Amino acid sequence: MLNENMIDKDDKTVNKKMLDEAVQTILTGMNDLYSRFDGVDKRFDGVDKRFDGVDKRLDKIESDIYFVKQDVRDIKANLSDTPTREEFDKLKVKVNAIAS
């Protein structure tokens, strides 16, 4: 760190020792900053893994929903072939008439 006693306030020149101390201070700060980012990166890695798990679960749910929709379409198609109650009653009367 720069020492206030080492600086002559009237002297505007920078000597090698002052420059070395300034560079060292900057490097120390950058190392501290990078070490903090490393911890954040590790947290983001954990978050990424959790998101991957959520994505896989979502894909499975989407697949399941597709099959449920397909089943509903199949049921609707089967029911469309089924006569209404009125149609069934008319058919029942005709069959009974023929059978008697």
PDB file of N, CA and C in Angstrom:
ATOM      1  N   MET A   1       0.830  -1.173   0.000  1.00  0.00           N
ATOM      2  CA  MET A   1       0.000   0.000   0.000  1.00  0.00           C
ATOM      3  C   MET A   1       0.881   1.245   0.000  1.00  0.00           C
ATOM      4  N   LEU A   2       0.370   2.272  -0.587  1.00  0.00           N
ATOM      5  CA  LEU A   2       1.108   3.527  -0.638  1.00  0.00           C
ATOM      6  C   LEU A   2       1.140   4.160   0.740  1.00  0.00           C
ATOM      7  N   ASN A   3       2.293   4.639   1.081  1.00  0.00           N
ATOM      8  CA  ASN A   3       2.469   5.285   2.378  1.00  0.00           C
ATOM      9  C   ASN A   3       2.450   6.792   2.159  1.00  0.00           C
ATOM     10  N   GLU A   4       1.619   7.504   2.917  1.00  0.00           N
ATOM     11  CA  GLU A   4       1.495   8.951   2.764  1.00  0.00           C
ATOM     12  C   GLU A   4       2.839   9.658   2.971  1.00  0.00           C
ATOM     13  N   ASN A   5       3.688   9.116   3.841  1.00  0.00           N
ATOM     14  CA  ASN A   5       4.978   9.759   4.147  1.00  0.00           C
ATOM     15  C   ASN A   5       5.952   9.656   2.986  1.00  0.00           C
ATOM     16  N   MET A   6       5.746   8.698   2.109  1.00  0.00           N
ATOM     17  CA  MET A   6       6.670   8.492   0.998  1.00  0.00           C
ATOM     18  C   MET A   6       6.413   9.472  -0.136  1.00  0.00           C
ATOM     19  N   ILE A   7       5.275  10.107  -0.156  1.00  0.00           N
ATOM     20  CA  ILE A   7       4.907  10.967  -1.274  1.00  0.00           C
ATOM     21  C   ILE A   7       5.222  12.413  -0.929  1.00  0.00           C
ATOM     22  N   ASP A   8       5.989  13.007  -1.787  1.00  0.00           N
ATOM     23  CA  ASP A   8       6.258  14.442  -1.667  1.00  0.00           C
ATOM     24  C   ASP A   8       5.155  15.138  -2.454  1.00  0.00           C
ATOM     25  N   LYS A   9       4.325  15.896  -1.783  1.00  0.00           N
ATOM     26  CA  LYS A   9       3.144  16.481  -2.412  1.00  0.00           C
ATOM     27  C   LYS A   9       3.506  17.440  -3.542  1.00  0.00           C
ATOM     28  N   ASP A  10       4.686  18.016  -3.506  1.00  0.00           N
ATOM     29  CA  ASP A  10       5.086  18.935  -4.568  1.00  0.00           C
ATOM     30  C   ASP A  10       5.702  18.196  -5.746  1.00  0.00           C
ATOM     31  N   ASP A  11       6.190  16.988  -5.497  1.00  0.00           N
ATOM     32  CA  ASP A  11       6.834  16.203  -6.555  1.00  0.00           C
ATOM     33  C   ASP A  11       5.758  15.441  -7.323  1.00  0.00           C
ATOM     34  N   LYS A  12       5.640  15.693  -8.602  1.00  0.00           N
ATOM     35  CA  LYS A  12       4.609  15.063  -9.441  1.00  0.00           C
ATOM     36  C   LYS A  12       5.113  13.785 -10.116  1.00  0.00           C
ATOM     37  N   THR A  13       6.345  13.397  -9.904  1.00  0.00           N
ATOM     38  CA  THR A  13       6.883  12.203 -10.558  1.00  0.00           C
ATOM     39  C   THR A  13       6.552  10.952  -9.737  1.00  0.00           C
ATOM     40  N   VAL A  14       6.453   9.849 -10.432  1.00  0.00           N
ATOM     41  CA  VAL A  14       6.173   8.571  -9.790  1.00  0.00           C
ATOM     42  C   VAL A  14       7.449   7.748  -9.863  1.00  0.00           C
ATOM     43  N   ASN A  15       7.896   7.263  -8.707  1.00  0.00           N
ATOM     44  CA  ASN A  15       9.104   6.443  -8.729  1.00  0.00           C
ATOM     45  C   ASN A  15       8.726   4.960  -8.830  1.00  0.00           C
ATOM     46  N   LYS A  16       9.707   4.125  -9.057  1.00  0.00           N
ATOM     47  CA  LYS A  16       9.479   2.697  -9.277  1.00  0.00           C
ATOM     48  C   LYS A  16       8.827   2.035  -8.075  1.00  0.00           C
ATOM     49  N   LYS A  17       9.234   2.395  -6.892  1.00  0.00           N
ATOM     50  CA  LYS A  17       8.673   1.797  -5.697  1.00  0.00           C
ATOM     51  C   LYS A  17       7.178   2.110  -5.591  1.00  0.00           C
ATOM     52  N   MET A  18       6.780   3.331  -5.881  1.00  0.00           N
ATOM     53  CA  MET A  18       5.376   3.718  -5.833  1.00  0.00           C
ATOM     54  C   MET A  18       4.580   2.939  -6.877  1.00  0.00           C
ATOM     55  N   LEU A  19       5.156   2.810  -8.053  1.00  0.00           N
ATOM     56  CA  LEU A  19       4.494   2.089  -9.127  1.00  0.00           C
ATOM     57  C   LEU A  19       4.325   0.605  -8.769  1.00  0.00           C
ATOM     58  N   ASP A  20       5.386   0.009  -8.207  1.00  0.00           N
ATOM     59  CA  ASP A  20       5.320  -1.395  -7.798  1.00  0.00           C
ATOM     60  C   ASP A  20       4.243  -1.613  -6.733  1.00  0.00           C
ATOM     61  N   GLU A  21       4.162  -0.697  -5.777  1.00  0.00           N
ATOM     62  CA  GLU A  21       3.145  -0.813  -4.734  1.00  0.00           C
ATOM     63  C   GLU A  21       1.732  -0.670  -5.315  1.00  0.00           C
ATOM     64  N   ALA A  22       1.563   0.233  -6.255  1.00  0.00           N
ATOM     65  CA  ALA A  22       0.251   0.423  -6.882  1.00  0.00           C
ATOM     66  C   ALA A  22      -0.147  -0.825  -7.663  1.00  0.00           C
ATOM     67  N   VAL A  23       0.797  -1.382  -8.409  1.00  0.00           N
ATOM     68  CA  VAL A  23       0.530  -2.598  -9.178  1.00  0.00           C
ATOM     69  C   VAL A  23       0.187  -3.745  -8.228  1.00  0.00           C
ATOM     70  N   GLN A  24       0.940  -3.879  -7.148  1.00  0.00           N
ATOM     71  CA  GLN A  24       0.684  -4.947  -6.183  1.00  0.00           C
ATOM     72  C   GLN A  24      -0.702  -4.798  -5.548  1.00  0.00           C
ATOM     73  N   THR A  25      -1.087  -3.576  -5.235  1.00  0.00           N
ATOM     74  CA  THR A  25      -2.413  -3.321  -4.658  1.00  0.00           C
ATOM     75  C   THR A  25      -3.513  -3.715  -5.652  1.00  0.00           C
ATOM     76  N   ILE A  26      -3.323  -3.359  -6.902  1.00  0.00           N
ATOM     77  CA  ILE A  26      -4.304  -3.710  -7.933  1.00  0.00           C
ATOM     78  C   ILE A  26      -4.393  -5.226  -8.095  1.00  0.00           C
ATOM     79  N   LEU A  27      -3.257  -5.897  -8.141  1.00  0.00           N
ATOM     80  CA  LEU A  27      -3.250  -7.357  -8.296  1.00  0.00           C
ATOM     81  C   LEU A  27      -3.900  -8.054  -7.099  1.00  0.00           C
ATOM     82  N   THR A  28      -3.622  -7.549  -5.909  1.00  0.00           N
ATOM     83  CA  THR A  28      -4.240  -8.127  -4.708  1.00  0.00           C
ATOM     84  C   THR A  28      -5.758  -7.966  -4.772  1.00  0.00           C
ATOM     85  N   GLY A  29      -6.209  -6.798  -5.181  1.00  0.00           N
ATOM     86  CA  GLY A  29      -7.647  -6.564  -5.316  1.00  0.00           C
ATOM     87  C   GLY A  29      -8.275  -7.458  -6.366  1.00  0.00           C
ATOM     88  N   MET A  30      -7.591  -7.623  -7.477  1.00  0.00           N
ATOM     89  CA  MET A  30      -8.118  -8.487  -8.544  1.00  0.00           C
ATOM     90  C   MET A  30      -8.181  -9.950  -8.085  1.00  0.00           C
ATOM     91  N   ASN A  31      -7.149 -10.404  -7.373  1.00  0.00           N
ATOM     92  CA  ASN A  31      -7.168 -11.774  -6.854  1.00  0.00           C
ATOM     93  C   ASN A  31      -8.335 -11.982  -5.896  1.00  0.00           C
ATOM     94  N   ASP A  32      -8.578 -10.990  -5.051  1.00  0.00           N
ATOM     95  CA  ASP A  32      -9.708 -11.065  -4.126  1.00  0.00           C
ATOM     96  C   ASP A  32     -11.022 -11.122  -4.902  1.00  0.00           C
ATOM     97  N   LEU A  33     -11.121 -10.292  -5.923  1.00  0.00           N
ATOM     98  CA  LEU A  33     -12.332 -10.256  -6.744  1.00  0.00           C
ATOM     99  C   LEU A  33     -12.549 -11.591  -7.452  1.00  0.00           C
ATOM    100  N   TYR A  34     -11.499 -12.160  -8.023  1.00  0.00           N
ATOM    101  CA  TYR A  34     -11.618 -13.452  -8.714  1.00  0.00           C
ATOM    102  C   TYR A  34     -11.992 -14.571  -7.749  1.00  0.00           C
ATOM    103  N   SER A  35     -11.455 -14.529  -6.523  1.00  0.00           N
ATOM    104  CA  SER A  35     -11.798 -15.576  -5.558  1.00  0.00           C
ATOM    105  C   SER A  35     -13.277 -15.484  -5.186  1.00  0.00           C
ATOM    106  N   ARG A  36     -13.834 -14.281  -5.141  1.00  0.00           N
ATOM    107  CA  ARG A  36     -15.270 -14.134  -4.880  1.00  0.00           C
ATOM    108  C   ARG A  36     -16.080 -14.668  -6.050  1.00  0.00           C
ATOM    109  N   PHE A  37     -15.628 -14.417  -7.279  1.00  0.00           N
ATOM    110  CA  PHE A  37     -16.332 -14.926  -8.458  1.00  0.00           C
ATOM    111  C   PHE A  37     -16.306 -16.439  -8.506  1.00  0.00           C
ATOM    112  N   ASP A  38     -15.222 -17.032  -8.012  1.00  0.00           N
ATOM    113  CA  ASP A  38     -15.130 -18.493  -8.010  1.00  0.00           C
ATOM    114  C   ASP A  38     -16.245 -19.094  -7.163  1.00  0.00           C
ATOM    115  N   GLY A  39     -16.534 -18.494  -6.022  1.00  0.00           N
ATOM    116  CA  GLY A  39     -17.627 -18.965  -5.185  1.00  0.00           C
ATOM    117  C   GLY A  39     -18.963 -18.805  -5.873  1.00  0.00           C
ATOM    118  N   VAL A  40     -19.135 -17.710  -6.577  1.00  0.00           N
ATOM    119  CA  VAL A  40     -20.379 -17.468  -7.311  1.00  0.00           C
ATOM    120  C   VAL A  40     -20.507 -18.480  -8.444  1.00  0.00           C
ATOM    121  N   ASP A  41     -19.407 -18.757  -9.140  1.00  0.00           N
ATOM    122  CA  ASP A  41     -19.443 -19.752 -10.221  1.00  0.00           C
ATOM    123  C   ASP A  41     -19.876 -21.115  -9.703  1.00  0.00           C
ATOM    124  N   LYS A  42     -19.385 -21.492  -8.528  1.00  0.00           N
ATOM    125  CA  LYS A  42     -19.763 -22.790  -7.963  1.00  0.00           C
ATOM    126  C   LYS A  42     -21.253 -22.810  -7.651  1.00  0.00           C
ATOM    127  N   ARG A  43     -21.777 -21.693  -7.163  1.00  0.00           N
ATOM    128  CA  ARG A  43     -23.219 -21.626  -6.888  1.00  0.00           C
ATOM    129  C   ARG A  43     -24.009 -21.728  -8.179  1.00  0.00           C
ATOM    130  N   PHE A  44     -23.545 -21.046  -9.235  1.00  0.00           N
ATOM    131  CA  PHE A  44     -24.247 -21.107 -10.519  1.00  0.00           C
ATOM    132  C   PHE A  44     -24.204 -22.519 -11.094  1.00  0.00           C
ATOM    133  N   ASP A  45     -23.102 -23.234 -10.865  1.00  0.00           N
ATOM    134  CA  ASP A  45     -23.041 -24.624 -11.324  1.00  0.00           C
ATOM    135  C   ASP A  45     -24.135 -25.448 -10.658  1.00  0.00           C
ATOM    136  N   GLY A  46     -24.342 -25.231  -9.365  1.00  0.00           N
ATOM    137  CA  GLY A  46     -25.401 -25.934  -8.653  1.00  0.00           C
ATOM    138  C   GLY A  46     -26.775 -25.569  -9.189  1.00  0.00           C
ATOM    139  N   VAL A  47     -26.967 -24.293  -9.470  1.00  0.00           N
ATOM    140  CA  VAL A  47     -28.245 -23.834 -10.018  1.00  0.00           C
ATOM    141  C   VAL A  47     -28.463 -24.438 -11.402  1.00  0.00           C
ATOM    142  N   ASP A  48     -27.409 -24.483 -12.213  1.00  0.00           N
ATOM    143  CA  ASP A  48     -27.522 -25.083 -13.547  1.00  0.00           C
ATOM    144  C   ASP A  48     -27.937 -26.545 -13.458  1.00  0.00           C
ATOM    145  N   LYS A  49     -27.373 -27.266 -12.519  1.00  0.00           N
ATOM    146  CA  LYS A  49     -27.726 -28.683 -12.361  1.00  0.00           C
ATOM    147  C   LYS A  49     -29.189 -28.816 -11.964  1.00  0.00           C
ATOM    148  N   ARG A  50     -29.654 -27.935 -11.083  1.00  0.00           N
ATOM    149  CA  ARG A  50     -31.060 -27.992 -10.672  1.00  0.00           C
ATOM    150  C   ARG A  50     -31.978 -27.663 -11.845  1.00  0.00           C
ATOM    151  N   PHE A  51     -31.595 -26.678 -12.663  1.00  0.00           N
ATOM    152  CA  PHE A  51     -32.392 -26.342 -13.842  1.00  0.00           C
ATOM    153  C   PHE A  51     -32.435 -27.503 -14.828  1.00  0.00           C
ATOM    154  N   ASP A  52     -31.313 -28.197 -14.967  1.00  0.00           N
ATOM    155  CA  ASP A  52     -31.301 -29.376 -15.850  1.00  0.00           C
ATOM    156  C   ASP A  52     -32.298 -30.414 -15.352  1.00  0.00           C
ATOM    157  N   GLY A  53     -32.350 -30.613 -14.039  1.00  0.00           N
ATOM    158  CA  GLY A  53     -33.313 -31.554 -13.471  1.00  0.00           C
ATOM    159  C   GLY A  53     -34.743 -31.108 -13.730  1.00  0.00           C
ATOM    160  N   VAL A  54     -34.988 -29.815 -13.588  1.00  0.00           N
ATOM    161  CA  VAL A  54     -36.329 -29.279 -13.841  1.00  0.00           C
ATOM    162  C   VAL A  54     -36.690 -29.447 -15.316  1.00  0.00           C
ATOM    163  N   ASP A  55     -35.735 -29.187 -16.201  1.00  0.00           N
ATOM    164  CA  ASP A  55     -35.979 -29.362 -17.644  1.00  0.00           C
ATOM    165  C   ASP A  55     -36.361 -30.806 -17.960  1.00  0.00           C
ATOM    166  N   LYS A  56     -35.661 -31.754 -17.367  1.00  0.00           N
ATOM    167  CA  LYS A  56     -35.968 -33.170 -17.620  1.00  0.00           C
ATOM    168  C   LYS A  56     -37.366 -33.509 -17.123  1.00  0.00           C
ATOM    169  N   ARG A  57     -37.708 -32.988 -15.938  1.00  0.00           N
ATOM    170  CA  ARG A  57     -39.049 -33.261 -15.400  1.00  0.00           C
ATOM    171  C   ARG A  57     -40.115 -32.625 -16.283  1.00  0.00           C
ATOM    172  N   LEU A  58     -39.855 -31.421 -16.766  1.00  0.00           N
ATOM    173  CA  LEU A  58     -40.806 -30.752 -17.653  1.00  0.00           C
ATOM    174  C   LEU A  58     -40.987 -31.525 -18.949  1.00  0.00           C
ATOM    175  N   ASP A  59     -39.890 -32.020 -19.507  1.00  0.00           N
ATOM    176  CA  ASP A  59     -39.988 -32.825 -20.729  1.00  0.00           C
ATOM    177  C   ASP A  59     -40.866 -34.052 -20.501  1.00  0.00           C
ATOM    178  N   LYS A  60     -40.695 -34.698 -19.341  1.00  0.00           N
ATOM    179  CA  LYS A  60     -41.505 -35.881 -19.039  1.00  0.00           C
ATOM    180  C   LYS A  60     -42.968 -35.494 -18.893  1.00  0.00           C
ATOM    181  N   ILE A  61     -43.235 -34.378 -18.217  1.00  0.00           N
ATOM    182  CA  ILE A  61     -44.618 -33.928 -18.045  1.00  0.00           C
ATOM    183  C   ILE A  61     -45.238 -33.594 -19.395  1.00  0.00           C
ATOM    184  N   GLU A  62     -44.487 -32.920 -20.258  1.00  0.00           N
ATOM    185  CA  GLU A  62     -45.005 -32.600 -21.588  1.00  0.00           C
ATOM    186  C   GLU A  62     -45.334 -33.877 -22.356  1.00  0.00           C
ATOM    187  N   SER A  63     -44.481 -34.862 -22.231  1.00  0.00           N
ATOM    188  CA  SER A  63     -44.723 -36.136 -22.896  1.00  0.00           C
ATOM    189  C   SER A  63     -45.985 -36.801 -22.336  1.00  0.00           C
ATOM    190  N   ASP A  64     -46.114 -36.793 -21.014  1.00  0.00           N
ATOM    191  CA  ASP A  64     -47.301 -37.384 -20.379  1.00  0.00           C
ATOM    192  C   ASP A  64     -48.567 -36.654 -20.810  1.00  0.00           C
ATOM    193  N   ILE A  65     -48.513 -35.338 -20.883  1.00  0.00           N
ATOM    194  CA  ILE A  65     -49.676 -34.553 -21.301  1.00  0.00           C
ATOM    195  C   ILE A  65     -50.058 -34.900 -22.735  1.00  0.00           C
ATOM    196  N   TYR A  66     -49.064 -35.090 -23.587  1.00  0.00           N
ATOM    197  CA  TYR A  66     -49.346 -35.476 -24.974  1.00  0.00           C
ATOM    198  C   TYR A  66     -50.148 -36.776 -24.997  1.00  0.00           C
ATOM    199  N   PHE A  67     -49.717 -37.763 -24.195  1.00  0.00           N
ATOM    200  CA  PHE A  67     -50.410 -39.048 -24.189  1.00  0.00           C
ATOM    201  C   PHE A  67     -51.820 -38.920 -23.597  1.00  0.00           C
ATOM    202  N   VAL A  68     -51.984 -38.078 -22.594  1.00  0.00           N
ATOM    203  CA  VAL A  68     -53.319 -37.857 -22.029  1.00  0.00           C
ATOM    204  C   VAL A  68     -54.222 -37.223 -23.085  1.00  0.00           C
ATOM    205  N   LYS A  69     -53.702 -36.229 -23.796  1.00  0.00           N
ATOM    206  CA  LYS A  69     -54.498 -35.599 -24.867  1.00  0.00           C
ATOM    207  C   LYS A  69     -54.868 -36.612 -25.943  1.00  0.00           C
ATOM    208  N   GLN A  70     -53.938 -37.480 -26.277  1.00  0.00           N
ATOM    209  CA  GLN A  70     -54.211 -38.514 -27.279  1.00  0.00           C
ATOM    210  C   GLN A  70     -55.311 -39.456 -26.789  1.00  0.00           C
ATOM    211  N   ASP A  71     -55.243 -39.814 -25.504  1.00  0.00           N
ATOM    212  CA  ASP A  71     -56.285 -40.676 -24.934  1.00  0.00           C
ATOM    213  C   ASP A  71     -57.647 -39.988 -24.983  1.00  0.00           C
ATOM    214  N   VAL A  72     -57.689 -38.700 -24.672  1.00  0.00           N
ATOM    215  CA  VAL A  72     -58.940 -37.949 -24.714  1.00  0.00           C
ATOM    216  C   VAL A  72     -59.489 -37.929 -26.137  1.00  0.00           C
ATOM    217  N   ARG A  73     -58.615 -37.709 -27.126  1.00  0.00           N
ATOM    218  CA  ARG A  73     -59.064 -37.731 -28.528  1.00  0.00           C
ATOM    219  C   ARG A  73     -59.631 -39.098 -28.898  1.00  0.00           C
ATOM    220  N   ASP A  74     -58.964 -40.152 -28.444  1.00  0.00           N
ATOM    221  CA  ASP A  74     -59.445 -41.510 -28.740  1.00  0.00           C
ATOM    222  C   ASP A  74     -60.805 -41.759 -28.091  1.00  0.00           C
ATOM    223  N   ILE A  75     -60.963 -41.332 -26.860  1.00  0.00           N
ATOM    224  CA  ILE A  75     -62.245 -41.521 -26.166  1.00  0.00           C
ATOM    225  C   ILE A  75     -63.349 -40.744 -26.875  1.00  0.00           C
ATOM    226  N   LYS A  76     -63.039 -39.501 -27.273  1.00  0.00           N
ATOM    227  CA  LYS A  76     -64.033 -38.704 -28.001  1.00  0.00           C
ATOM    228  C   LYS A  76     -64.422 -39.397 -29.308  1.00  0.00           C
ATOM    229  N   ALA A  77     -63.447 -39.961 -29.998  1.00  0.00           N
ATOM    230  CA  ALA A  77     -63.739 -40.665 -31.258  1.00  0.00           C
ATOM    231  C   ALA A  77     -64.620 -41.880 -30.997  1.00  0.00           C
ATOM    232  N   ASN A  78     -64.328 -42.609 -29.946  1.00  0.00           N
ATOM    233  CA  ASN A  78     -65.147 -43.776 -29.602  1.00  0.00           C
ATOM    234  C   ASN A  78     -66.561 -43.362 -29.223  1.00  0.00           C
ATOM    235  N   LEU A  79     -66.684 -42.272 -28.494  1.00  0.00           N
ATOM    236  CA  LEU A  79     -68.006 -41.815 -28.075  1.00  0.00           C
ATOM    237  C   LEU A  79     -68.805 -41.250 -29.236  1.00  0.00           C
ATOM    238  N   SER A  80     -68.115 -40.728 -30.234  1.00  0.00           N
ATOM    239  CA  SER A  80     -68.848 -40.187 -31.385  1.00  0.00           C
ATOM    240  C   SER A  80     -69.532 -41.299 -32.167  1.00  0.00           C
ATOM    241  N   ASP A  81     -69.021 -42.525 -32.047  1.00  0.00           N
ATOM    242  CA  ASP A  81     -69.655 -43.677 -32.695  1.00  0.00           C
ATOM    243  C   ASP A  81     -70.835 -44.207 -31.886  1.00  0.00           C
ATOM    244  N   THR A  82     -70.963 -43.809 -30.643  1.00  0.00           N
ATOM    245  CA  THR A  82     -72.024 -44.284 -29.769  1.00  0.00           C
ATOM    246  C   THR A  82     -73.295 -43.473 -30.039  1.00  0.00           C
ATOM    247  N   PRO A  83     -74.404 -44.143 -30.206  1.00  0.00           N
ATOM    248  CA  PRO A  83     -75.654 -43.407 -30.482  1.00  0.00           C
ATOM    249  C   PRO A  83     -76.124 -42.639 -29.245  1.00  0.00           C
ATOM    250  N   THR A  84     -76.901 -41.602 -29.489  1.00  0.00           N
ATOM    251  CA  THR A  84     -77.479 -40.855 -28.379  1.00  0.00           C
ATOM    252  C   THR A  84     -78.554 -41.713 -27.731  1.00  0.00           C
ATOM    253  N   ARG A  85     -79.036 -41.285 -26.610  1.00  0.00           N
ATOM    254  CA  ARG A  85     -80.081 -42.044 -25.906  1.00  0.00           C
ATOM    255  C   ARG A  85     -81.348 -42.145 -26.771  1.00  0.00           C
ATOM    256  N   GLU A  86     -81.703 -41.047 -27.418  1.00  0.00           N
ATOM    257  CA  GLU A  86     -82.894 -41.028 -28.283  1.00  0.00           C
ATOM    258  C   GLU A  86     -82.731 -42.014 -29.434  1.00  0.00           C
ATOM    259  N   GLU A  87     -81.546 -41.998 -30.072  1.00  0.00           N
ATOM    260  CA  GLU A  87     -81.301 -42.933 -31.184  1.00  0.00           C
ATOM    261  C   GLU A  87     -81.350 -44.386 -30.693  1.00  0.00           C
ATOM    262  N   PHE A  88     -80.809 -44.607 -29.525  1.00  0.00           N
ATOM    263  CA  PHE A  88     -80.815 -45.951 -28.955  1.00  0.00           C
ATOM    264  C   PHE A  88     -82.248 -46.423 -28.685  1.00  0.00           C
ATOM    265  N   ASP A  89     -83.062 -45.545 -28.117  1.00  0.00           N
ATOM    266  CA  ASP A  89     -84.460 -45.922 -27.829  1.00  0.00           C
ATOM    267  C   ASP A  89     -85.213 -46.251 -29.114  1.00  0.00           C
ATOM    268  N   LYS A  90     -85.034 -45.461 -30.171  1.00  0.00           N
ATOM    269  CA  LYS A  90     -85.697 -45.740 -31.458  1.00  0.00           C
ATOM    270  C   LYS A  90     -85.260 -47.097 -32.005  1.00  0.00           C
ATOM    271  N   LEU A  91     -83.959 -47.354 -31.926  1.00  0.00           N
ATOM    272  CA  LEU A  91     -83.431 -48.632 -32.407  1.00  0.00           C
ATOM    273  C   LEU A  91     -83.980 -49.785 -31.576  1.00  0.00           C
ATOM    274  N   LYS A  92     -84.111 -49.591 -30.290  1.00  0.00           N
ATOM    275  CA  LYS A  92     -84.620 -50.628 -29.395  1.00  0.00           C
ATOM    276  C   LYS A  92     -86.081 -50.957 -29.755  1.00  0.00           C
ATOM    277  N   VAL A  93     -86.864 -49.926 -30.071  1.00  0.00           N
ATOM    278  CA  VAL A  93     -88.269 -50.142 -30.459  1.00  0.00           C
ATOM    279  C   VAL A  93     -88.330 -50.960 -31.750  1.00  0.00           C
ATOM    280  N   LYS A  94     -87.489 -50.647 -32.739  1.00  0.00           N
ATOM    281  CA  LYS A  94     -87.471 -51.380 -34.008  1.00  0.00           C
ATOM    282  C   LYS A  94     -87.083 -52.834 -33.789  1.00  0.00           C
ATOM    283  N   VAL A  95     -86.041 -53.051 -32.955  1.00  0.00           N
ATOM    284  CA  VAL A  95     -85.590 -54.416 -32.696  1.00  0.00           C
ATOM    285  C   VAL A  95     -86.673 -55.206 -31.981  1.00  0.00           C
ATOM    286  N   ASN A  96     -87.329 -54.611 -31.031  1.00  0.00           N
ATOM    287  CA  ASN A  96     -88.410 -55.280 -30.301  1.00  0.00           C
ATOM    288  C   ASN A  96     -89.585 -55.601 -31.215  1.00  0.00           C
ATOM    289  N   ALA A  97     -89.838 -54.676 -32.181  1.00  0.00           N
ATOM    290  CA  ALA A  97     -90.935 -54.899 -33.117  1.00  0.00           C
ATOM    291  C   ALA A  97     -90.634 -56.080 -34.026  1.00  0.00           C
ATOM    292  N   ILE A  98     -89.386 -56.182 -34.462  1.00  0.00           N
ATOM    293  CA  ILE A  98     -88.991 -57.282 -35.341  1.00  0.00           C
ATOM    294  C   ILE A  98     -88.959 -58.585 -34.553  1.00  0.00           C
ATOM    295  N   ALA A  99     -88.521 -58.546 -33.322  1.00  0.00           N
ATOM    296  CA  ALA A  99     -88.406 -59.750 -32.510  1.00  0.00           C
ATOM    297  C   ALA A  99     -89.753 -60.285 -32.091  1.00  0.00           C
ATOM    298  N   SER A 100     -90.798 -59.478 -32.046  1.00  0.00           N
ATOM    299  CA  SER A 100     -92.081 -60.006 -31.588  1.00  0.00           C
ATOM    300  C   SER A 100     -92.884 -60.598 -32.669  1.00  0.00           C
TER     301      SER A 100
END
